[in-house]
Protein backbone atom coordinates (compact mmCIF):
# COMPACT_ATOMS: atom_id res chain seq x y z
CA MET A 1 128.98 156.55 188.41
CA THR A 2 126.78 158.88 190.36
CA GLU A 3 125.36 158.95 193.85
CA LEU A 4 126.97 155.67 194.92
CA PRO A 5 128.92 155.47 198.17
CA PRO A 6 132.68 155.42 197.51
CA ILE A 7 133.04 151.83 198.76
CA THR A 8 130.30 150.71 196.32
CA GLN A 9 131.92 152.60 193.44
CA LYS A 10 135.28 151.06 194.23
CA PHE A 11 133.90 147.52 194.29
CA VAL A 12 131.71 147.96 191.19
CA LEU A 13 134.67 149.26 189.18
CA HIS A 14 136.91 146.45 190.40
CA TRP A 15 134.28 143.77 189.71
CA GLY A 16 133.95 145.11 186.16
CA GLU A 17 137.71 144.80 185.66
CA MET A 18 137.77 141.31 187.14
CA GLY A 19 134.83 140.31 184.97
CA MET A 20 136.83 141.22 181.88
CA ARG A 21 139.70 139.03 183.06
CA TRP A 22 137.24 136.15 183.51
CA GLY A 23 135.85 136.66 179.99
CA ILE A 24 132.73 138.53 181.14
CA ASN A 25 131.62 141.85 179.70
CA ARG A 26 132.58 144.78 181.98
CA THR A 27 129.07 146.25 182.00
CA LEU A 28 127.56 142.88 182.87
CA ALA A 29 129.97 142.48 185.80
CA GLN A 30 129.37 146.03 187.05
CA ILE A 31 125.60 145.60 187.01
CA HIS A 32 125.99 142.32 188.87
CA ALA A 33 128.21 144.00 191.48
CA LEU A 34 125.72 146.84 191.95
CA LEU A 35 122.81 144.42 192.41
CA PHE A 36 124.86 142.19 194.72
CA LEU A 37 125.67 145.13 197.00
CA SER A 38 122.21 146.69 196.86
CA GLU A 39 119.99 146.26 199.92
CA ARG A 40 116.88 146.25 197.73
CA PRO A 41 115.93 145.26 194.19
CA LEU A 42 116.68 147.96 191.60
CA ASN A 43 114.82 148.83 188.43
CA ALA A 44 116.61 149.33 185.12
CA GLU A 45 116.44 153.13 185.31
CA GLU A 46 118.11 153.14 188.73
CA ILE A 47 120.88 150.93 187.33
CA CYS A 48 121.29 153.21 184.29
CA THR A 49 121.54 156.28 186.51
CA ALA A 50 123.88 154.74 189.09
CA LEU A 51 126.31 153.36 186.50
CA GLN A 52 125.73 156.00 183.78
CA LEU A 53 124.88 153.32 181.21
CA ALA A 54 122.53 153.30 178.23
CA ARG A 55 119.18 151.60 178.80
CA SER A 56 119.81 149.15 175.94
CA ASN A 57 123.11 148.00 177.49
CA VAL A 58 121.44 147.51 180.86
CA SER A 59 118.56 145.54 179.33
CA VAL A 60 120.91 143.20 177.46
CA ALA A 61 123.10 142.70 180.55
CA LEU A 62 120.10 142.01 182.80
CA ARG A 63 118.83 139.32 180.39
CA GLU A 64 122.29 137.73 180.37
CA LEU A 65 122.55 137.80 184.17
CA GLN A 66 119.11 136.20 184.39
CA GLY A 67 120.30 133.57 181.91
CA TRP A 68 123.21 132.80 184.19
CA GLY A 69 120.73 132.37 187.05
CA ILE A 70 122.42 134.86 189.40
CA VAL A 71 119.95 137.73 188.97
CA LYS A 72 116.20 137.43 189.08
CA LEU A 73 113.27 139.62 188.15
CA VAL A 74 111.08 140.71 191.05
CA HIS A 75 107.94 142.80 191.28
CA LEU A 76 107.35 145.21 194.11
CA PRO A 77 103.84 145.97 195.40
CA GLY A 78 102.47 149.20 193.93
CA ASP A 79 105.24 149.52 191.32
CA ARG A 80 104.62 148.36 187.75
CA ARG A 81 108.29 148.45 186.78
CA ASP A 82 110.46 145.35 186.72
CA HIS A 83 113.06 145.22 189.47
CA PHE A 84 116.11 143.01 189.69
CA GLU A 85 118.04 141.45 192.53
CA SER A 86 121.19 139.38 192.71
CA MET A 87 121.72 136.22 194.68
CA LYS A 88 123.16 137.25 198.01
CA ASP A 89 124.63 133.94 199.20
CA VAL A 90 128.14 133.97 197.72
CA PHE A 91 128.54 130.21 198.13
CA GLU A 92 125.32 129.47 196.25
CA MET A 93 126.24 132.07 193.63
CA PHE A 94 129.61 130.38 193.13
CA ARG A 95 127.85 127.04 192.65
CA VAL A 96 125.49 128.50 190.06
CA ILE A 97 128.32 130.21 188.17
CA MET A 98 130.50 127.08 188.33
CA ASN A 99 127.69 124.93 186.93
CA GLU A 100 126.84 127.44 184.22
CA ARG A 101 130.48 127.76 183.13
CA ARG A 102 130.71 123.97 183.05
CA ARG A 103 127.61 123.81 180.86
CA ARG A 104 128.78 126.59 178.51
CA GLU A 105 132.51 125.84 178.33
CA ILE A 106 133.59 122.46 179.65
CA ASP A 107 130.75 120.25 178.37
CA PRO A 108 131.12 121.35 174.72
CA THR A 109 134.91 120.98 174.91
CA LEU A 110 134.63 117.48 176.36
CA ALA A 111 132.10 116.56 173.66
CA LEU A 112 134.52 117.80 170.99
CA ILE A 113 137.41 115.83 172.50
CA ASN A 114 135.27 112.69 172.53
CA ASP A 115 134.29 113.35 168.92
CA CYS A 116 137.94 113.82 167.92
CA LEU A 117 138.89 110.55 169.61
CA THR A 118 136.14 108.45 168.03
CA ASP A 119 136.45 109.49 164.33
CA ASP A 120 132.75 109.50 163.45
CA GLY A 121 131.83 107.17 166.27
CA LYS A 122 134.44 104.50 165.49
CA PRO A 123 137.59 104.29 167.61
CA GLN A 124 140.77 104.53 165.51
CA THR A 125 142.50 101.16 165.55
CA HIS A 126 145.66 102.14 163.62
CA PRO A 127 146.41 105.84 164.11
CA GLN A 128 149.16 107.50 162.06
CA PRO A 129 152.43 108.14 163.99
CA ASP A 130 151.88 111.92 164.18
CA GLU A 131 148.26 111.33 165.17
CA ALA A 132 149.24 109.06 168.08
CA HIS A 133 150.78 112.02 169.95
CA VAL A 134 147.68 114.17 169.37
CA ARG A 135 145.40 111.37 170.57
CA ALA A 136 147.52 110.84 173.69
CA GLN A 137 147.29 114.56 174.49
CA LEU A 138 143.52 114.55 173.94
CA GLU A 139 143.14 111.46 176.14
CA SER A 140 145.12 113.24 178.85
CA MET A 141 142.91 116.31 178.58
CA LYS A 142 139.77 114.15 178.59
CA GLU A 143 140.93 112.42 181.78
CA PHE A 144 141.64 115.81 183.38
CA PHE A 145 138.16 117.13 182.54
CA GLU A 146 136.45 113.94 183.73
CA ILE A 147 138.31 113.94 187.06
CA THR A 148 137.70 117.67 187.52
CA LEU A 149 134.00 117.38 186.67
CA ASN A 150 133.62 114.45 189.06
CA PHE A 151 135.27 116.43 191.86
CA ALA A 152 133.20 119.54 191.08
CA GLY A 153 130.05 117.40 191.19
CA GLN A 154 131.02 116.07 194.60
CA LEU A 155 131.62 119.61 195.88
CA ASP A 156 128.31 120.75 194.40
CA ARG A 157 126.43 118.05 196.31
CA MET A 158 127.96 119.10 199.65
CA SER A 159 126.00 121.42 201.87
CA THR A 160 127.44 124.91 202.14
CA LYS A 161 128.11 124.34 205.84
CA THR A 162 130.15 121.19 205.14
CA LEU A 163 132.01 122.85 202.26
CA VAL A 164 132.97 125.84 204.40
CA ARG A 165 134.07 123.58 207.23
CA ALA A 166 136.26 121.54 204.85
CA ALA A 167 137.77 124.69 203.31
CA LYS A 168 138.57 126.10 206.75
CA MET A 169 140.41 122.91 207.61
CA GLY A 170 143.00 123.93 205.01
CA ASP A 171 146.35 122.31 205.75
CA LYS A 172 144.79 119.71 208.04
CA ALA A 173 142.65 118.40 205.18
CA MET A 174 145.63 118.40 202.79
CA LYS A 175 147.78 116.43 205.25
CA LEU A 176 144.98 113.91 205.69
CA LEU A 177 144.73 113.47 201.93
CA GLU A 178 148.49 113.03 201.60
CA ARG A 179 148.36 110.12 204.05
CA LEU A 180 145.85 108.25 201.90
């Protein structure tokens, strides 16, 4: 990385490492971090130079980030090049990422579980003994996903202000829930 302030370099490198742990390509995560920290939209060449990446890698990563909905293409007056900027609101960005991960990962898994449990659309009336255990485990996982998706949907419908207020309540909110 060249010409980036040390604090930016440190965060970009860390975000790349964390991205890998979350199943995201390192380059993709580093470009996102750079755009997130940038005060202004950057063009692809600036990203290539700052992160010492090949133009093709940057182009692919930018398309993927746009597909996730966390980076958008912008045009600047007097400049014909495409520029890119990241969402800046971390709460909104989390919502977008959460919904995209649900769409890409959870929804297909839940559909597969449902398919496994219905045997071509017909519920199994007399499962084999070894199959009964598998079905019980799949039912348990299905219930987990459905409860989790319902809760995530409720959180997604909350305003950021309300969500932050609830999160800051911490132990108080947990004690209230335990009383119910």
